[in-house]
């Protein structure tokens, strides 16, 4: 019987790993209407289902949620990147078909769908759950204590008797360390959807057993989603009224920029649709100097184009990781949604974000008094680590033979499960 589970509740994807023993782990597999997978997109769909009774909702998660959303336009409520709301005091829940869901409700519903998809493969008898958490949560003025409280509420509802939290890069370091051939000081850089985290750990073997000493960690609430927001801000926002004006009492005023801040965070579009700001936006159309742009903005929100926008942005960003230029195609904008982007332009848009990531790296090195030549291995993990500008941070500082990659989706969950098997788990908790 599995004793420990590792939960990587990610901004983009979620993975749960089971420790078979102190040295081996495996990912929980899920079979949903969209097929079988050992990772799950962190997304939910809610659809009214009369067969289940009045007011009942049919809920799907991951790719099945995406498919439900695409197949039922206008009827399905779709939410993704749930984790980005965890530490936000401003997020007090969202309405889903007239029912209010708090963050902990959404997390619980998502994990229960995973349990259902896993069937007999769900490790219900596990005594210890080790959940990952970023060093710094995403969002403006994040409250880590609030996030932990919300996590605790959701995970306790699932019946886990023992719950621990470990920094995500620490878990990734532990996963990578299983392949070390000698004692080493290891730097792990974890680039997720919402956060970038660094962890510095010393690994040594004593009496045939791996011993680890955490040295320091740092992080910043910037990662792949922020890069997406930069692309949206440059390519899409001007086409839907950013920088335009409206008349008010005989004066020309700028359309409020906060509307476009919400829009650039594609994962927040379904929430934006229910806010007063969206109602205010609609009221500006008659006074707008370019009303057709604001009407297009409203149409994108009304027709739930957040996920298609994410797909278009993600495809462009991914292509720029291997090519000097790439096409951006977003059909709802018509001709305005057909543009070519150069890697140089993209890197100029994210230059401030890259600088803040590098500042966080400097912080962990400076606070631990560690020089670059004192680090034996650098492990890069997370999807955003594929962005050339991100990799260049490390190529400038460390020799190529020190830098390793791999296990981008599973390293954190499996590291958490391995830590969950240790007797000294208290020294690892965040």
Protein backbone atom coordinates (compact mmCIF):
# COMPACT_ATOMS: atom_id res chain seq x y z
CA UNK A 1 0.00 0.00 0.00
CA UNK A 2 1.29 3.45 -0.91
CA UNK A 3 2.30 5.47 2.12
CA UNK A 4 3.10 8.84 0.54
CA UNK A 5 1.70 10.91 -2.32
CA UNK A 6 3.30 13.88 -4.01
CA UNK A 7 0.89 16.53 -5.33
CA UNK A 8 2.17 19.04 -7.86
CA UNK A 9 -0.90 21.26 -8.21
CA UNK A 10 0.45 23.38 -11.01
CA UNK A 11 -0.73 26.52 -12.73
CA UNK A 12 -0.81 24.74 -16.08
CA UNK A 13 -0.67 21.00 -15.28
CA UNK A 14 -1.22 18.83 -12.23
CA UNK A 15 0.64 15.59 -11.50
CA UNK A 16 0.22 13.19 -8.58
CA UNK A 17 3.00 10.69 -7.85
CA UNK A 18 2.96 7.66 -5.58
CA UNK A 19 5.99 6.43 -3.66
CA UNK A 20 6.12 2.65 -4.10
CA UNK A 21 9.02 2.54 -1.67
CA UNK A 22 11.84 4.84 -0.63
CA UNK A 23 13.49 4.73 -4.06
CA UNK A 24 10.73 4.27 -6.66
CA UNK A 25 7.71 6.30 -7.68
CA UNK A 26 5.06 6.26 -10.37
CA UNK A 27 2.54 8.78 -11.65
CA UNK A 28 -1.17 8.24 -11.11
CA UNK A 29 -2.87 7.66 -14.47
CA UNK A 30 -6.26 9.11 -15.36
CA UNK A 31 -8.80 7.90 -17.88
CA UNK A 32 -11.29 10.64 -18.81
CA UNK A 33 -13.56 11.18 -21.83
CA UNK A 34 -10.50 12.75 -23.49
CA UNK A 35 -8.31 9.63 -23.10
CA UNK A 36 -5.63 8.39 -20.71
CA UNK A 37 -2.81 10.51 -19.31
CA UNK A 38 -0.51 10.69 -16.28
CA UNK A 39 -0.80 14.48 -16.05
CA UNK A 40 -3.87 16.67 -16.07
CA UNK A 41 -4.36 20.19 -17.36
CA UNK A 42 -5.39 22.32 -14.37
CA UNK A 43 -8.77 23.24 -15.80
CA UNK A 44 -12.46 22.72 -14.97
CA UNK A 45 -15.66 22.86 -16.99
CA UNK A 46 -19.18 23.14 -15.59
CA UNK A 47 -22.19 22.30 -17.72
CA UNK A 48 -25.83 22.12 -16.68
CA UNK A 49 -27.10 18.57 -17.05
CA UNK A 50 -30.86 18.04 -16.83
CA UNK A 51 -30.37 14.30 -16.55
CA UNK A 52 -28.68 14.86 -13.21
CA UNK A 53 -31.58 16.97 -11.94
CA UNK A 54 -32.49 20.63 -11.71
CA UNK A 55 -29.49 22.79 -10.92
CA UNK A 56 -27.04 19.90 -11.15
CA UNK A 57 -23.74 20.44 -12.94
CA UNK A 58 -21.70 18.02 -14.98
CA UNK A 59 -18.05 18.65 -14.15
CA UNK A 60 -14.99 17.65 -16.15
CA UNK A 61 -11.29 18.35 -15.60
CA UNK A 62 -8.20 18.62 -17.80
CA UNK A 63 -8.50 17.88 -21.51
CA UNK A 64 -12.04 16.61 -20.98
CA UNK A 65 -12.93 20.06 -19.61
CA UNK A 66 -11.41 21.70 -22.66
CA UNK A 67 -13.33 19.41 -24.98
CA UNK A 68 -16.60 20.10 -23.14
CA UNK A 69 -15.95 23.83 -23.40
CA UNK A 70 -15.27 23.65 -27.14
CA UNK A 71 -18.29 21.42 -27.80
CA UNK A 72 -20.71 23.59 -25.81
CA UNK A 73 -19.97 27.25 -26.61
CA UNK A 74 -22.02 29.66 -24.56
CA UNK A 75 -23.35 26.94 -22.25
CA UNK A 76 -20.17 25.77 -20.53
CA UNK A 77 -18.35 27.67 -17.78
CA UNK A 78 -14.62 27.07 -18.15
CA UNK A 79 -11.92 27.85 -15.57
CA UNK A 80 -8.19 27.20 -15.73
CA UNK A 81 -4.98 28.17 -13.93
CA UNK A 82 -6.94 27.92 -10.69
CA UNK A 83 -3.71 28.07 -8.70
CA UNK A 84 -3.18 31.74 -9.63
CA UNK A 85 -6.06 32.68 -7.31
CA UNK A 86 -4.77 30.77 -4.27
CA UNK A 87 -2.89 33.62 -2.59
CA UNK A 88 -5.12 36.48 -3.72
CA UNK A 89 -7.17 38.18 -0.98
CA UNK A 90 -9.13 39.86 -3.78
CA UNK A 91 -10.43 36.53 -5.04
CA UNK A 92 -13.50 35.84 -2.95
CA UNK A 93 -15.01 33.23 -5.23
CA UNK A 94 -16.70 33.16 -8.60
CA UNK A 95 -20.22 32.43 -9.78
CA UNK A 96 -20.69 29.27 -11.80
CA UNK A 97 -24.23 28.90 -13.15
CA UNK A 98 -25.55 30.96 -10.20
CA UNK A 99 -23.56 28.94 -7.63
CA UNK A 100 -20.63 30.54 -5.82
CA UNK A 101 -17.36 28.60 -5.65
CA UNK A 102 -14.51 29.65 -3.37
CA UNK A 103 -10.93 28.73 -4.24
CA UNK A 104 -10.98 25.72 -1.92
CA UNK A 105 -14.19 24.52 -3.57
CA UNK A 106 -12.58 24.66 -7.01
CA UNK A 107 -9.46 22.84 -5.83
CA UNK A 108 -11.56 20.16 -4.15
CA UNK A 109 -13.78 19.66 -7.21
CA UNK A 110 -10.73 19.41 -9.47
CA UNK A 111 -8.96 16.81 -7.31
CA UNK A 112 -12.15 14.78 -6.88
CA UNK A 113 -12.48 14.59 -10.66
CA UNK A 114 -8.91 13.27 -10.78
CA UNK A 115 -9.82 10.69 -8.16
CA UNK A 116 -12.80 9.60 -10.28
CA UNK A 117 -10.68 9.43 -13.46
CA UNK A 118 -8.04 7.33 -11.64
CA UNK A 119 -10.60 4.71 -10.59
CA UNK A 120 -8.96 1.74 -8.90
CA UNK A 121 -5.57 3.36 -9.47
CA UNK A 122 -6.30 6.09 -6.93
CA UNK A 123 -4.09 5.52 -3.86
CA UNK A 124 -6.82 6.08 -1.31
CA UNK A 125 -4.96 4.40 1.54
CA UNK A 126 -2.02 6.78 1.51
CA UNK A 127 -1.30 8.19 4.96
CA UNK A 128 0.84 11.15 3.98
CA UNK A 129 0.27 13.80 1.31
CA UNK A 130 3.15 16.09 0.40
CA UNK A 131 1.98 19.08 -1.65
CA UNK A 132 4.26 21.43 -3.49
CA UNK A 133 4.09 25.18 -3.12
CA UNK A 134 6.04 27.96 -4.86
CA UNK A 135 8.58 30.01 -2.98
CA UNK A 136 6.54 33.08 -3.95
CA UNK A 137 2.96 32.77 -5.13
CA UNK A 138 1.78 34.51 -8.28
CA UNK A 139 -0.28 37.69 -8.29
CA UNK A 140 -0.11 41.18 -6.86
CA UNK A 141 0.51 41.22 -3.10
CA UNK A 142 0.09 37.46 -2.66
CA UNK A 143 -0.69 36.16 0.83
CA UNK A 144 1.08 32.78 1.32
CA UNK A 145 -0.70 32.12 4.62
CA UNK A 146 -4.05 32.55 2.89
CA UNK A 147 -2.95 30.17 0.13
CA UNK A 148 -1.87 27.55 2.67
CA UNK A 149 -5.15 27.90 4.53
CA UNK A 150 -7.09 27.38 1.31
CA UNK A 151 -4.96 24.39 0.35
CA UNK A 152 -5.48 22.87 3.80
CA UNK A 153 -9.24 23.27 3.60
CA UNK A 154 -9.46 21.59 0.20
CA UNK A 155 -7.03 18.76 0.96
CA UNK A 156 -8.56 17.99 4.34
CA UNK A 157 -11.91 17.50 2.63
CA UNK A 158 -10.30 14.72 0.58
CA UNK A 159 -9.53 12.82 3.76
CA UNK A 160 -5.74 12.92 3.88
CA UNK A 161 -4.74 12.46 7.55
CA UNK A 162 -1.25 13.97 7.24
CA UNK A 163 -0.51 16.96 4.98
CA UNK A 164 2.88 18.61 4.43
CA UNK A 165 4.09 21.41 2.15
CA UNK A 166 7.47 21.49 0.43
CA UNK A 167 8.87 24.16 -1.86
CA UNK A 168 8.49 23.02 -5.46
CA UNK A 169 12.13 23.57 -6.48
CA UNK A 170 13.27 21.61 -3.41
CA UNK A 171 11.16 18.67 -4.59
CA UNK A 172 12.56 18.96 -8.11
CA UNK A 173 16.10 18.99 -6.69
CA UNK A 174 15.41 15.83 -4.72
CA UNK A 175 14.10 14.12 -7.86
CA UNK A 176 17.16 15.05 -9.90
CA UNK A 177 19.54 14.12 -7.08
CA UNK A 178 18.68 10.44 -7.43
CA UNK A 179 21.00 10.35 -10.47
CA UNK A 180 23.95 12.15 -8.90
CA UNK A 181 27.22 10.18 -9.03
CA UNK A 182 28.98 12.22 -6.35
CA UNK A 183 28.31 14.71 -3.59
CA UNK A 184 27.18 17.98 -5.12
CA UNK A 185 25.83 21.45 -4.50
CA UNK A 186 22.77 21.71 -6.73
CA UNK A 187 20.84 24.71 -8.00
CA UNK A 188 17.32 23.96 -9.25
CA UNK A 189 15.44 26.53 -11.30
CA UNK A 190 11.74 25.74 -11.63
CA UNK A 191 9.90 27.77 -14.27
CA UNK A 192 6.18 27.14 -14.02
CA UNK A 193 3.15 28.89 -15.38
CA UNK A 194 2.79 31.45 -12.60
CA UNK A 195 6.06 31.47 -10.67
CA UNK A 196 9.82 31.12 -11.01
CA UNK A 197 11.55 29.45 -8.06
CA UNK A 198 15.17 28.75 -7.20
CA UNK A 199 16.49 26.33 -4.60
CA UNK A 200 20.07 25.61 -3.56
CA UNK A 201 20.72 22.25 -1.87
CA UNK A 202 23.80 20.27 -0.83
CA UNK A 203 23.49 16.53 -1.50
CA UNK A 204 25.85 14.07 0.18
CA UNK A 205 25.93 10.31 0.66
CA UNK A 206 26.48 9.03 4.18
CA UNK A 207 26.38 5.35 4.99
CA UNK A 208 24.94 4.58 1.59
CA UNK A 209 21.99 6.93 2.09
CA UNK A 210 21.38 10.27 0.41
CA UNK A 211 21.51 13.21 2.77
CA UNK A 212 20.37 16.66 1.71
CA UNK A 213 20.92 20.01 3.34
CA UNK A 214 18.78 22.91 2.07
CA UNK A 215 20.96 26.00 1.71
CA UNK A 216 18.54 28.64 0.47
CA UNK A 217 15.71 29.53 -1.86
CA UNK A 218 14.19 32.50 -3.65
CA UNK A 219 11.54 33.17 -6.22
CA UNK A 220 9.36 35.65 -8.04
CA UNK A 221 5.74 35.58 -9.22
CA UNK A 222 6.71 35.71 -12.90
CA UNK A 223 6.85 32.86 -15.41
CA UNK A 224 5.16 31.57 -18.54
CA UNK A 225 1.79 33.24 -17.98
CA UNK A 226 3.51 36.62 -17.74
CA UNK A 227 5.23 35.97 -21.07
CA UNK A 228 1.82 35.14 -22.56
CA UNK A 229 0.47 38.39 -21.17
CA UNK A 230 3.25 40.34 -22.91
CA UNK A 231 2.36 38.77 -26.25
CA UNK A 232 -1.33 39.53 -25.78
CA UNK A 233 -0.56 43.09 -24.72
CA UNK A 234 1.51 43.72 -27.85
CA UNK A 235 -0.48 41.83 -30.48
CA UNK A 236 -4.09 41.73 -29.33
CA UNK A 237 -4.84 44.54 -26.88
CA UNK A 238 -4.29 47.39 -29.41
CA UNK A 239 -6.80 45.72 -31.75
CA UNK A 240 -9.52 45.77 -29.09
CA UNK A 241 -9.12 49.34 -27.93
CA UNK A 242 -6.03 49.64 -25.77
CA UNK A 243 -4.71 53.17 -26.22
CA UNK A 244 -8.03 54.41 -27.64
CA UNK A 245 -10.22 57.11 -26.11
CA UNK A 246 -13.81 57.92 -25.22
CA UNK A 247 -15.74 61.17 -24.64
CA UNK A 248 -16.96 62.14 -21.20
CA UNK A 249 -18.51 65.56 -20.47
CA UNK A 250 -16.83 67.05 -23.51
CA UNK A 251 -13.38 65.66 -22.69
CA UNK A 252 -11.39 62.89 -24.34
CA UNK A 253 -10.22 60.27 -21.84
CA UNK A 254 -8.21 57.08 -22.25
CA UNK A 255 -10.06 53.78 -22.03
CA UNK A 256 -8.97 52.43 -18.59
CA UNK A 257 -5.90 50.25 -18.90
CA UNK A 258 -7.03 47.90 -16.13
CA UNK A 259 -9.50 46.33 -18.59
CA UNK A 260 -6.56 45.18 -20.69
CA UNK A 261 -4.57 43.97 -17.71
CA UNK A 262 -7.45 41.59 -17.00
CA UNK A 263 -7.68 40.61 -20.66
CA UNK A 264 -3.98 39.85 -20.99
CA UNK A 265 -4.36 37.27 -18.21
CA UNK A 266 -6.27 34.81 -20.38
CA UNK A 267 -6.85 32.51 -17.42
CA UNK A 268 -8.85 35.28 -15.70
CA UNK A 269 -11.18 36.04 -18.60
CA UNK A 270 -14.01 33.84 -17.37
CA UNK A 271 -13.86 35.65 -14.02
CA UNK A 272 -13.63 39.08 -15.67
CA UNK A 273 -16.90 38.29 -17.44
CA UNK A 274 -18.74 38.35 -14.10
CA UNK A 275 -17.18 41.55 -12.72
CA UNK A 276 -18.43 45.13 -12.62
CA UNK A 277 -15.51 46.18 -14.83
CA UNK A 278 -17.00 44.23 -17.73
CA UNK A 279 -20.33 46.02 -17.28
CA UNK A 280 -18.46 49.34 -17.19
CA UNK A 281 -16.63 48.43 -20.41
CA UNK A 282 -19.93 47.82 -22.19
CA UNK A 283 -21.15 51.26 -21.14
CA UNK A 284 -18.20 52.97 -22.88
CA UNK A 285 -19.04 51.78 -26.39
CA UNK A 286 -21.38 54.68 -27.23
CA UNK A 287 -18.81 57.27 -26.14
CA UNK A 288 -15.79 55.54 -27.71
CA UNK A 289 -13.81 57.12 -30.52
CA UNK A 290 -13.27 53.64 -31.98
CA UNK A 291 -16.41 51.76 -30.86
CA UNK A 292 -15.76 48.84 -33.18
CA UNK A 293 -12.65 47.94 -31.19
CA UNK A 294 -14.49 47.87 -27.87
CA UNK A 295 -17.32 45.88 -29.46
CA UNK A 296 -14.75 43.32 -30.57
CA UNK A 297 -13.34 43.24 -27.02
CA UNK A 298 -16.82 42.57 -25.63
CA UNK A 299 -17.47 39.85 -28.23
CA UNK A 300 -14.26 38.04 -27.24
CA UNK A 301 -15.38 37.99 -23.61
CA UNK A 302 -19.00 37.06 -24.36
CA UNK A 303 -17.91 34.17 -26.58
CA UNK A 304 -15.34 32.84 -24.09
CA UNK A 305 -12.37 33.16 -26.42
CA UNK A 306 -9.86 32.84 -23.57
CA UNK A 307 -8.81 29.30 -24.37
CA UNK A 308 -8.45 29.79 -28.16
CA UNK A 309 -6.36 32.85 -27.33
CA UNK A 310 -4.19 30.78 -25.01
CA UNK A 311 -3.69 28.20 -27.78
CA UNK A 312 -2.64 30.88 -30.27
CA UNK A 313 -0.23 32.56 -27.86
CA UNK A 314 1.23 29.26 -26.65
CA UNK A 315 1.84 28.07 -30.22
CA UNK A 316 3.67 31.31 -31.07
CA UNK A 317 5.78 31.23 -27.90
CA UNK A 318 6.70 27.59 -28.44
CA UNK A 319 7.67 28.19 -32.06
CA UNK A 320 9.94 31.08 -31.02
CA UNK A 321 11.89 28.67 -28.80
CA UNK A 322 13.32 27.02 -31.91
CA UNK A 323 12.92 29.66 -34.65
CA UNK A 324 13.89 33.28 -35.11
CA UNK A 325 10.34 34.21 -36.11
CA UNK A 326 6.86 32.69 -35.89
CA UNK A 327 3.31 33.37 -37.03
CA UNK A 328 0.58 34.44 -34.62
CA UNK A 329 -2.89 33.39 -35.72
CA UNK A 330 -6.03 34.28 -33.76
CA UNK A 331 -9.07 33.95 -36.01
CA UNK A 332 -11.58 35.94 -33.89
CA UNK A 333 -9.60 39.11 -34.74
CA UNK A 334 -9.88 38.51 -38.49
CA UNK A 335 -7.01 40.03 -40.49
CA UNK A 336 -5.77 41.82 -37.37
CA UNK A 337 -5.14 38.40 -35.86
CA UNK A 338 -2.56 37.42 -38.48
CA UNK A 339 0.90 38.68 -37.58
CA UNK A 340 4.54 37.61 -37.68
CA UNK A 341 6.59 37.87 -34.50
CA UNK A 342 10.38 37.82 -34.32
CA UNK A 343 12.24 36.31 -31.40
CA UNK A 344 14.05 39.62 -30.96
CA UNK A 345 10.74 41.46 -30.54
CA UNK A 346 9.43 38.86 -28.10
CA UNK A 347 12.61 39.06 -26.03
CA UNK A 348 12.31 42.86 -25.90
CA UNK A 349 8.74 42.49 -24.55
CA UNK A 350 9.84 40.14 -21.75
CA UNK A 351 13.17 41.83 -20.96
CA UNK A 352 11.93 43.32 -17.66
CA UNK A 353 10.53 39.93 -16.63
CA UNK A 354 13.82 38.20 -17.45
CA UNK A 355 15.63 40.83 -15.37
CA UNK A 356 13.40 40.12 -12.36
CA UNK A 357 13.97 36.38 -12.74
CA UNK A 358 17.71 37.01 -12.77
CA UNK A 359 17.41 39.23 -9.69
CA UNK A 360 15.75 36.33 -7.85
CA UNK A 361 18.65 34.09 -8.89
CA UNK A 362 21.12 36.69 -7.64
CA UNK A 363 19.23 36.80 -4.36
CA UNK A 364 19.64 33.12 -3.54
CA UNK A 365 23.34 33.20 -4.49
CA UNK A 366 24.05 36.36 -2.51
CA UNK A 367 22.09 35.43 0.62
CA UNK A 368 23.84 32.04 0.76
CA UNK A 369 27.24 33.51 -0.18
CA UNK A 370 27.55 31.03 -3.05
CA UNK A 371 29.68 31.77 -6.11
CA UNK A 372 28.77 30.38 -9.53
CA UNK A 373 31.86 28.14 -9.54
CA UNK A 374 30.73 26.69 -6.21
CA UNK A 375 27.69 25.08 -7.84
CA UNK A 376 28.24 21.59 -9.24
CA UNK A 377 24.95 21.04 -11.06
CA UNK A 378 22.16 23.26 -12.39
CA UNK A 379 18.80 21.61 -13.09
CA UNK A 380 16.27 23.48 -15.19
CA UNK A 381 12.68 22.31 -15.05
CA UNK A 382 9.24 23.58 -16.08
CA UNK A 383 7.93 24.44 -19.52
CA UNK A 384 9.16 28.04 -19.49
CA UNK A 385 12.74 26.77 -19.21
CA UNK A 386 12.57 26.12 -22.97
CA UNK A 387 12.44 29.86 -23.73
CA UNK A 388 15.93 30.78 -25.07
CA UNK A 389 16.07 34.05 -23.12
CA UNK A 390 15.50 32.07 -19.92
CA UNK A 391 18.18 29.50 -20.72
CA UNK A 392 20.62 32.28 -21.57
CA UNK A 393 20.51 33.41 -17.93
CA UNK A 394 22.30 30.18 -17.04
CA UNK A 395 24.45 29.80 -20.13
CA UNK A 396 26.03 33.17 -19.31
CA UNK A 397 26.85 32.09 -15.76
CA UNK A 398 27.57 28.36 -15.80
CA UNK A 399 29.51 26.00 -18.03
CA UNK A 400 27.37 23.88 -20.34
CA UNK A 401 28.39 20.59 -18.71
CA UNK A 402 26.82 21.69 -15.41
CA UNK A 403 23.36 22.38 -16.88
CA UNK A 404 20.85 19.55 -17.12
CA UNK A 405 17.18 19.33 -18.07
CA UNK A 406 14.42 16.72 -18.24
CA UNK A 407 11.35 15.59 -16.36
CA UNK A 408 9.74 18.98 -16.94
CA UNK A 409 6.25 17.76 -16.03
CA UNK A 410 6.93 15.08 -13.42
CA UNK A 411 10.02 16.06 -11.43
CA UNK A 412 8.21 18.03 -8.72
CA UNK A 413 5.47 15.47 -8.01
CA UNK A 414 7.92 12.55 -7.91
CA UNK A 415 10.33 14.49 -5.72
CA UNK A 416 7.49 15.28 -3.32
CA UNK A 417 6.53 11.61 -3.12
CA UNK A 418 10.14 10.61 -2.40
CA UNK A 419 10.41 13.22 0.34
CA UNK A 420 7.15 11.86 1.76
CA UNK A 421 8.89 8.53 2.42
CA UNK A 422 11.62 10.08 4.54
CA UNK A 423 11.74 9.91 8.32
CA UNK A 424 13.17 13.43 8.45
CA UNK A 425 10.34 15.03 6.50
CA UNK A 426 10.04 17.88 9.01
CA UNK A 427 13.37 19.29 7.85
CA UNK A 428 11.97 19.57 4.31
CA UNK A 429 8.67 21.31 4.93
CA UNK A 430 8.25 24.89 3.80
